[in-house]
Protein backbone atom coordinates (compact mmCIF):
# COMPACT_ATOMS: atom_id res chain seq x y z
CA UNK A 1 10.68 1.02 11.87
CA UNK A 2 7.84 3.62 11.69
CA UNK A 3 9.32 5.61 8.62
CA UNK A 4 11.28 4.00 5.46
CA UNK A 5 12.68 4.96 2.01
CA UNK A 6 11.95 7.28 0.26
CA UNK A 7 11.16 4.68 -2.33
CA UNK A 8 10.13 4.90 -5.80
CA UNK A 9 6.27 5.18 -6.25
CA UNK A 10 4.72 5.03 -9.90
CA UNK A 11 1.84 7.05 -8.72
CA UNK A 12 3.45 9.58 -6.05
CA UNK A 13 6.97 10.01 -7.05
CA UNK A 14 9.37 9.68 -4.27
CA UNK A 15 7.51 8.29 -1.32
CA UNK A 16 8.58 8.25 2.44
CA UNK A 17 6.44 5.20 3.62
CA UNK A 18 5.36 5.25 7.41
CA UNK A 19 4.30 2.20 8.77
CA UNK A 20 1.65 3.11 11.62
CA UNK A 21 0.93 -0.41 12.24
CA UNK A 22 2.56 -2.68 14.64
CA UNK A 23 3.79 -6.12 13.72
CA UNK A 24 2.33 -8.90 13.16
CA UNK A 25 0.36 -7.76 10.28
CA UNK A 26 -2.99 -6.12 11.20
CA UNK A 27 -5.88 -5.77 8.59
CA UNK A 28 -9.66 -5.61 8.22
CA UNK A 29 -8.64 -7.57 4.70
CA UNK A 30 -6.70 -10.61 4.05
CA UNK A 31 -6.06 -10.18 0.06
CA UNK A 32 -5.09 -13.12 -1.74
CA UNK A 33 -2.28 -10.91 -3.70
CA UNK A 34 -1.13 -8.67 -0.88
CA UNK A 35 2.80 -8.13 -1.34
CA UNK A 36 3.20 -8.18 2.91
CA UNK A 37 1.70 -11.56 3.36
CA UNK A 38 -1.08 -13.04 4.93
CA UNK A 39 -2.83 -11.03 7.43
CA UNK A 40 -2.04 -12.44 11.12
CA UNK A 41 -4.81 -10.54 12.74
CA UNK A 42 -7.95 -9.79 10.94
CA UNK A 43 -10.12 -7.12 12.64
CA UNK A 44 -12.30 -4.22 12.27
CA UNK A 45 -11.33 -2.72 16.02
CA UNK A 46 -9.29 0.43 15.63
CA UNK A 47 -6.62 0.64 18.36
CA UNK A 48 -3.46 2.68 19.35
CA UNK A 49 -0.24 1.57 17.98
CA UNK A 50 2.09 4.45 17.99
CA UNK A 51 1.62 7.88 19.47
CA UNK A 52 1.36 10.41 16.98
CA UNK A 53 4.22 12.60 18.70
CA UNK A 54 6.29 9.27 18.43
CA UNK A 55 5.42 9.17 14.53
CA UNK A 56 6.20 12.72 13.97
CA UNK A 57 9.65 12.59 15.93
CA UNK A 58 10.81 9.58 13.90
CA UNK A 59 9.72 11.33 10.42
CA UNK A 60 11.39 14.28 10.95
CA UNK A 61 14.64 12.63 12.30
CA UNK A 62 14.23 10.35 9.03
CA UNK A 63 13.84 13.52 6.80
CA UNK A 64 17.05 15.32 8.44
CA UNK A 65 19.13 12.43 7.38
CA UNK A 66 18.22 12.27 3.60
CA UNK A 67 20.60 13.84 0.85
CA UNK A 68 18.38 16.60 -1.30
CA UNK A 69 18.09 14.23 -4.13
CA UNK A 70 16.50 11.74 -1.73
CA UNK A 71 13.98 14.21 -0.51
CA UNK A 72 10.58 12.75 -0.81
CA UNK A 73 7.56 14.14 -2.74
CA UNK A 74 5.13 12.74 -0.37
CA UNK A 75 4.85 11.32 3.38
CA UNK A 76 2.76 7.82 2.67
CA UNK A 77 0.81 6.03 5.03
CA UNK A 78 1.43 2.30 3.54
CA UNK A 79 1.57 0.23 6.42
CA UNK A 80 1.74 -3.25 7.54
CA UNK A 81 -1.91 -3.78 7.46
CA UNK A 82 -4.53 -0.73 7.02
CA UNK A 83 -3.44 2.29 8.07
CA UNK A 84 -7.40 3.63 9.19
CA UNK A 85 -6.97 1.02 11.78
CA UNK A 86 -4.82 3.47 13.77
CA UNK A 87 -7.18 5.76 15.77
CA UNK A 88 -4.57 8.20 15.98
CA UNK A 89 -4.02 8.50 12.41
CA UNK A 90 -5.83 11.92 12.02
CA UNK A 91 -3.70 13.31 14.55
CA UNK A 92 -0.58 12.13 13.06
CA UNK A 93 -1.62 13.31 9.56
CA UNK A 94 -2.10 16.90 11.41
CA UNK A 95 1.06 16.86 13.04
CA UNK A 96 2.97 15.54 9.68
CA UNK A 97 1.70 18.46 7.86
CA UNK A 98 4.02 20.43 9.96
CA UNK A 99 6.87 19.18 7.59
CA UNK A 100 5.49 20.93 4.55
CA UNK A 101 5.26 18.27 2.85
CA UNK A 102 1.82 16.82 1.56
CA UNK A 103 0.59 13.45 3.18
CA UNK A 104 -0.86 10.38 1.41
CA UNK A 105 -2.93 7.34 2.76
CA UNK A 106 -3.02 3.93 0.79
CA UNK A 107 -6.29 2.55 2.40
CA UNK A 108 -8.63 -0.55 1.47
CA UNK A 109 -11.35 2.00 2.15
CA UNK A 110 -13.30 -1.01 4.49
CA UNK A 111 -13.38 1.30 7.53
CA UNK A 112 -15.14 4.21 5.77
CA UNK A 113 -18.84 3.14 7.13
CA UNK A 114 -17.24 4.72 10.29
CA UNK A 115 -17.88 8.70 10.04
CA UNK A 116 -14.92 9.33 12.44
CA UNK A 117 -12.87 7.19 9.90
CA UNK A 118 -14.06 9.48 7.28
CA UNK A 119 -13.24 12.62 9.08
CA UNK A 120 -9.63 11.62 10.01
CA UNK A 121 -9.06 10.33 6.17
CA UNK A 122 -10.33 13.67 4.94
CA UNK A 123 -7.31 15.19 6.52
CA UNK A 124 -4.98 13.71 3.87
CA UNK A 125 -3.84 15.61 0.71
CA UNK A 126 -4.08 12.48 -1.40
CA UNK A 127 -5.99 9.16 -0.93
CA UNK A 128 -6.13 5.87 -2.54
CA UNK A 129 -9.16 3.34 -2.32
CA UNK A 130 -8.80 -0.15 -2.74
CA UNK A 131 -11.58 -1.03 -5.62
CA UNK A 132 -11.26 -4.75 -6.64
CA UNK A 133 -14.90 -6.21 -6.83
CA UNK A 134 -18.31 -5.16 -7.47
CA UNK A 135 -20.08 -7.73 -5.42
CA UNK A 136 -20.21 -9.41 -2.08
CA UNK A 137 -19.18 -12.71 -3.09
CA UNK A 138 -16.15 -11.70 -5.29
CA UNK A 139 -15.34 -9.33 -2.38
CA UNK A 140 -14.95 -12.17 -0.09
CA UNK A 141 -13.03 -14.14 -2.65
CA UNK A 142 -10.48 -11.79 -3.56
CA UNK A 143 -10.34 -9.37 -0.39
CA UNK A 144 -11.13 -11.85 2.42
CA UNK A 145 -12.67 -9.10 4.58
CA UNK A 146 -13.45 -9.51 8.13
CA UNK A 147 -16.73 -11.16 8.81
CA UNK A 148 -17.96 -8.26 10.62
CA UNK A 149 -17.79 -6.04 7.47
CA UNK A 150 -20.94 -6.04 5.34
CA UNK A 151 -20.19 -5.06 1.58
CA UNK A 152 -23.22 -2.59 1.05
CA UNK A 153 -22.60 -0.69 4.21
CA UNK A 154 -18.66 -0.80 2.76
CA UNK A 155 -19.78 0.68 -0.97
CA UNK A 156 -22.00 3.38 0.94
CA UNK A 157 -18.94 4.47 3.26
CA UNK A 158 -16.82 4.95 0.32
CA UNK A 159 -19.37 6.89 -1.56
CA UNK A 160 -20.07 9.13 1.70
CA UNK A 161 -16.13 9.70 1.80
CA UNK A 162 -15.91 10.67 -1.79
CA UNK A 163 -18.85 13.28 -1.58
CA UNK A 164 -17.13 15.06 1.17
CA UNK A 165 -13.28 14.87 0.01
CA UNK A 166 -11.72 17.73 -1.40
CA UNK A 167 -8.07 16.36 -1.74
CA UNK A 168 -6.88 13.97 -4.53
CA UNK A 169 -8.81 10.60 -4.68
CA UNK A 170 -7.72 7.88 -6.52
CA UNK A 171 -8.74 4.20 -6.73
CA UNK A 172 -6.64 1.18 -7.41
CA UNK A 173 -8.12 -2.15 -8.88
CA UNK A 174 -5.82 -5.36 -8.68
CA UNK A 175 -6.56 -7.54 -11.14
CA UNK A 176 -5.84 -11.01 -10.54
CA UNK A 177 -6.43 -13.99 -13.27
CA UNK A 178 -9.34 -16.18 -13.29
CA UNK A 179 -10.51 -14.33 -10.50
CA UNK A 180 -11.76 -10.67 -10.87
CA UNK A 181 -10.40 -10.55 -14.54
CA UNK A 182 -14.16 -10.72 -16.25
CA UNK A 183 -16.13 -8.54 -18.20
CA UNK A 184 -19.09 -8.07 -15.66
CA UNK A 185 -16.68 -7.46 -12.91
CA UNK A 186 -15.00 -4.47 -14.98
CA UNK A 187 -18.29 -3.13 -16.16
CA UNK A 188 -20.04 -3.16 -12.77
CA UNK A 189 -17.09 -1.93 -10.72
CA UNK A 190 -16.51 0.89 -13.35
CA UNK A 191 -19.95 2.02 -12.83
CA UNK A 192 -19.19 2.29 -8.81
CA UNK A 193 -15.96 4.00 -9.42
CA UNK A 194 -17.75 6.61 -11.68
CA UNK A 195 -19.99 7.54 -8.88
CA UNK A 196 -16.84 8.26 -6.70
CA UNK A 197 -15.27 10.50 -9.45
CA UNK A 198 -11.94 10.00 -8.51
CA UNK A 199 -8.86 11.92 -10.16
CA UNK A 200 -7.34 8.53 -11.82
CA UNK A 201 -8.51 4.82 -11.55
CA UNK A 202 -5.24 2.78 -11.36
CA UNK A 203 -5.59 -0.64 -12.61
CA UNK A 204 -2.47 -2.95 -11.38
CA UNK A 205 -1.33 -6.46 -11.74
CA UNK A 206 0.73 -8.36 -9.02
CA UNK A 207 4.26 -7.46 -9.45
CA UNK A 208 5.84 -8.66 -6.34
CA UNK A 209 5.26 -11.91 -4.66
CA UNK A 210 1.85 -12.40 -3.42
CA UNK A 211 0.29 -14.05 -0.04
CA UNK A 212 -0.85 -16.87 -2.05
CA UNK A 213 1.41 -18.49 -4.68
CA UNK A 214 -1.15 -19.40 -7.31
CA UNK A 215 -1.86 -15.53 -7.87
CA UNK A 216 -0.92 -14.54 -11.35
CA UNK A 217 -1.51 -11.50 -13.64
CA UNK A 218 -4.16 -11.38 -16.16
CA UNK A 219 -3.72 -11.92 -19.73
CA UNK A 220 -3.05 -8.51 -21.58
CA UNK A 221 -6.41 -8.80 -23.68
CA UNK A 222 -8.33 -8.87 -20.19
CA UNK A 223 -6.03 -5.57 -19.06
CA UNK A 224 -6.98 -3.95 -22.23
CA UNK A 225 -10.87 -4.82 -21.92
CA UNK A 226 -10.72 -3.36 -18.41
CA UNK A 227 -8.94 -0.24 -19.57
CA UNK A 228 -11.48 0.23 -22.38
CA UNK A 229 -14.29 -0.41 -19.87
CA UNK A 230 -13.42 2.08 -17.57
CA UNK A 231 -12.55 4.87 -20.36
CA UNK A 232 -15.76 4.32 -21.93
CA UNK A 233 -17.38 5.66 -18.51
CA UNK A 234 -15.08 8.83 -18.83
CA UNK A 235 -12.88 7.78 -16.19
CA UNK A 236 -9.39 8.81 -16.32
CA UNK A 237 -7.70 5.31 -16.20
CA UNK A 238 -3.92 4.56 -15.76
CA UNK A 239 -1.91 1.19 -16.10
CA UNK A 240 0.16 0.35 -13.18
CA UNK A 241 1.82 -2.71 -14.66
CA UNK A 242 5.82 -1.95 -14.90
CA UNK A 243 8.34 -1.56 -12.17
CA UNK A 244 8.65 1.35 -10.43
CA UNK A 245 12.50 1.50 -10.75
CA UNK A 246 15.21 1.02 -8.53
CA UNK A 247 15.82 4.38 -6.83
CA UNK A 248 15.62 4.58 -3.08
CA UNK A 249 16.43 6.83 -0.29
CA UNK A 250 18.82 5.87 2.29
CA UNK A 251 19.59 7.24 5.75
CA UNK A 252 23.18 5.90 6.32
CA UNK A 253 22.08 2.82 8.50
CA UNK A 254 21.85 -0.16 5.96
CA UNK A 255 20.24 -2.50 8.36
CA UNK A 256 17.58 -0.15 9.33
CA UNK A 257 16.80 0.69 5.68
CA UNK A 258 16.64 -2.92 4.62
CA UNK A 259 14.47 -4.13 7.38
CA UNK A 260 12.16 -0.89 7.07
CA UNK A 261 11.65 -0.92 3.73
CA UNK A 262 10.94 -4.66 3.05
CA UNK A 263 8.40 -4.70 6.34
CA UNK A 264 5.81 -3.36 3.38
CA UNK A 265 7.47 -3.37 0.23
CA UNK A 266 9.58 -6.30 -0.86
CA UNK A 267 12.67 -5.26 -2.35
CA UNK A 268 13.38 -6.48 -5.92
CA UNK A 269 17.17 -7.35 -6.42
CA UNK A 270 18.02 -4.61 -8.63
CA UNK A 271 16.72 -2.09 -6.21
CA UNK A 272 18.72 -3.85 -3.49
CA UNK A 273 21.85 -3.45 -5.52
CA UNK A 274 21.17 0.31 -5.55
CA UNK A 275 20.33 0.70 -2.04
CA UNK A 276 23.76 -1.16 -0.98
CA UNK A 277 25.11 1.07 -3.32
CA UNK A 278 24.20 4.31 -1.97
CA UNK A 279 24.87 3.22 1.68
CA UNK A 280 28.37 1.72 0.39
CA UNK A 281 27.79 -1.69 1.83
CA UNK A 282 28.31 -4.92 0.06
CA UNK A 283 26.30 -8.37 0.13
CA UNK A 284 27.52 -9.58 3.21
CA UNK A 285 24.98 -7.40 4.77
CA UNK A 286 22.28 -9.46 3.14
CA UNK A 287 23.54 -12.45 3.87
CA UNK A 288 23.66 -11.65 7.74
CA UNK A 289 20.04 -10.68 7.46
CA UNK A 290 18.98 -13.88 6.06
CA UNK A 291 21.35 -15.86 8.67
CA UNK A 292 19.65 -13.95 11.21
CA UNK A 293 16.32 -15.04 9.81
CA UNK A 294 15.19 -11.05 9.42
CA UNK A 295 15.04 -11.22 5.54
CA UNK A 296 14.32 -14.32 3.32
CA UNK A 297 15.04 -14.56 -0.70
CA UNK A 298 11.96 -15.61 -2.85
CA UNK A 299 11.40 -15.85 -6.50
CA UNK A 300 8.44 -14.58 -8.50
CA UNK A 301 7.92 -14.25 -12.08
CA UNK A 302 11.45 -14.88 -12.56
CA UNK A 303 13.07 -11.95 -10.23
CA UNK A 304 14.50 -12.33 -6.95
CA UNK A 305 13.06 -10.33 -3.93
CA UNK A 306 13.80 -9.63 -0.51
CA UNK A 307 11.01 -10.12 1.94
CA UNK A 308 10.96 -9.33 5.85
CA UNK A 309 10.72 -12.40 8.01
CA UNK A 310 9.49 -12.13 11.55
CA UNK A 311 10.97 -14.70 13.63
CA UNK A 312 8.71 -14.44 17.28
CA UNK A 313 11.10 -16.77 18.92
CA UNK A 314 14.42 -14.37 18.46
């Protein structure tokens, strides 16, 4: 369950995901829009989840099973929580670079007040940091961080990291209707991001089932204001508002593929059909996983998704 995919990524092409955080979802945030669901354990304490050698061994075995057309462009830490909570992250990145593939990390940036985290994350080739709010009050509303985190320290840590990092740095701002879609937030947040000097600032909207059901994407007018505001500050800005596509890699074990992908990446119905076709499986596989309460169906914005379930009594 450590590696999954590859899945289509709007930023990284074909991305082989690496889930270095054990169930239950462990994160320093409890974002209202999170596609992995509500955080079960909110913490800022780093811990060992998997030994780096185990991650490396599973990823290399996964790569060996892939067809040439499914070979990934990146190995990406995208976790069931915050990947920098793993105190072996740096060691894992070093080992994974032996594959010859670049390593990406998608992080909320909340742990970057810690120098050791900054140093470890700087080993990655590509980093994305979450930037949703300009101030503490809004930050706590949308990201629901651990009470041990301080907004000023959080921003200072991010700026310190951006000053030392020589890889590809990106930011991602999730825009939620009636929450952080104000002109004030766009303007003040853009000022912070401009100081980070990212390669690209991505503006995204909820496209998968969120942790809180009331979450909705912003109006197109608000999205345009955000783009114009960022661009006016000479920030290279791109919108992430469309579907990534149905292309996924497969290992030949349809059950493992579905469970591993859905643990951190809800699978849209058309993507599931593509995956079943590649593994030469039929929908009875889905029915079986639903009966076992290992996945469940949900509808979001008129589309059906399959999400990983964790029945701890099984």
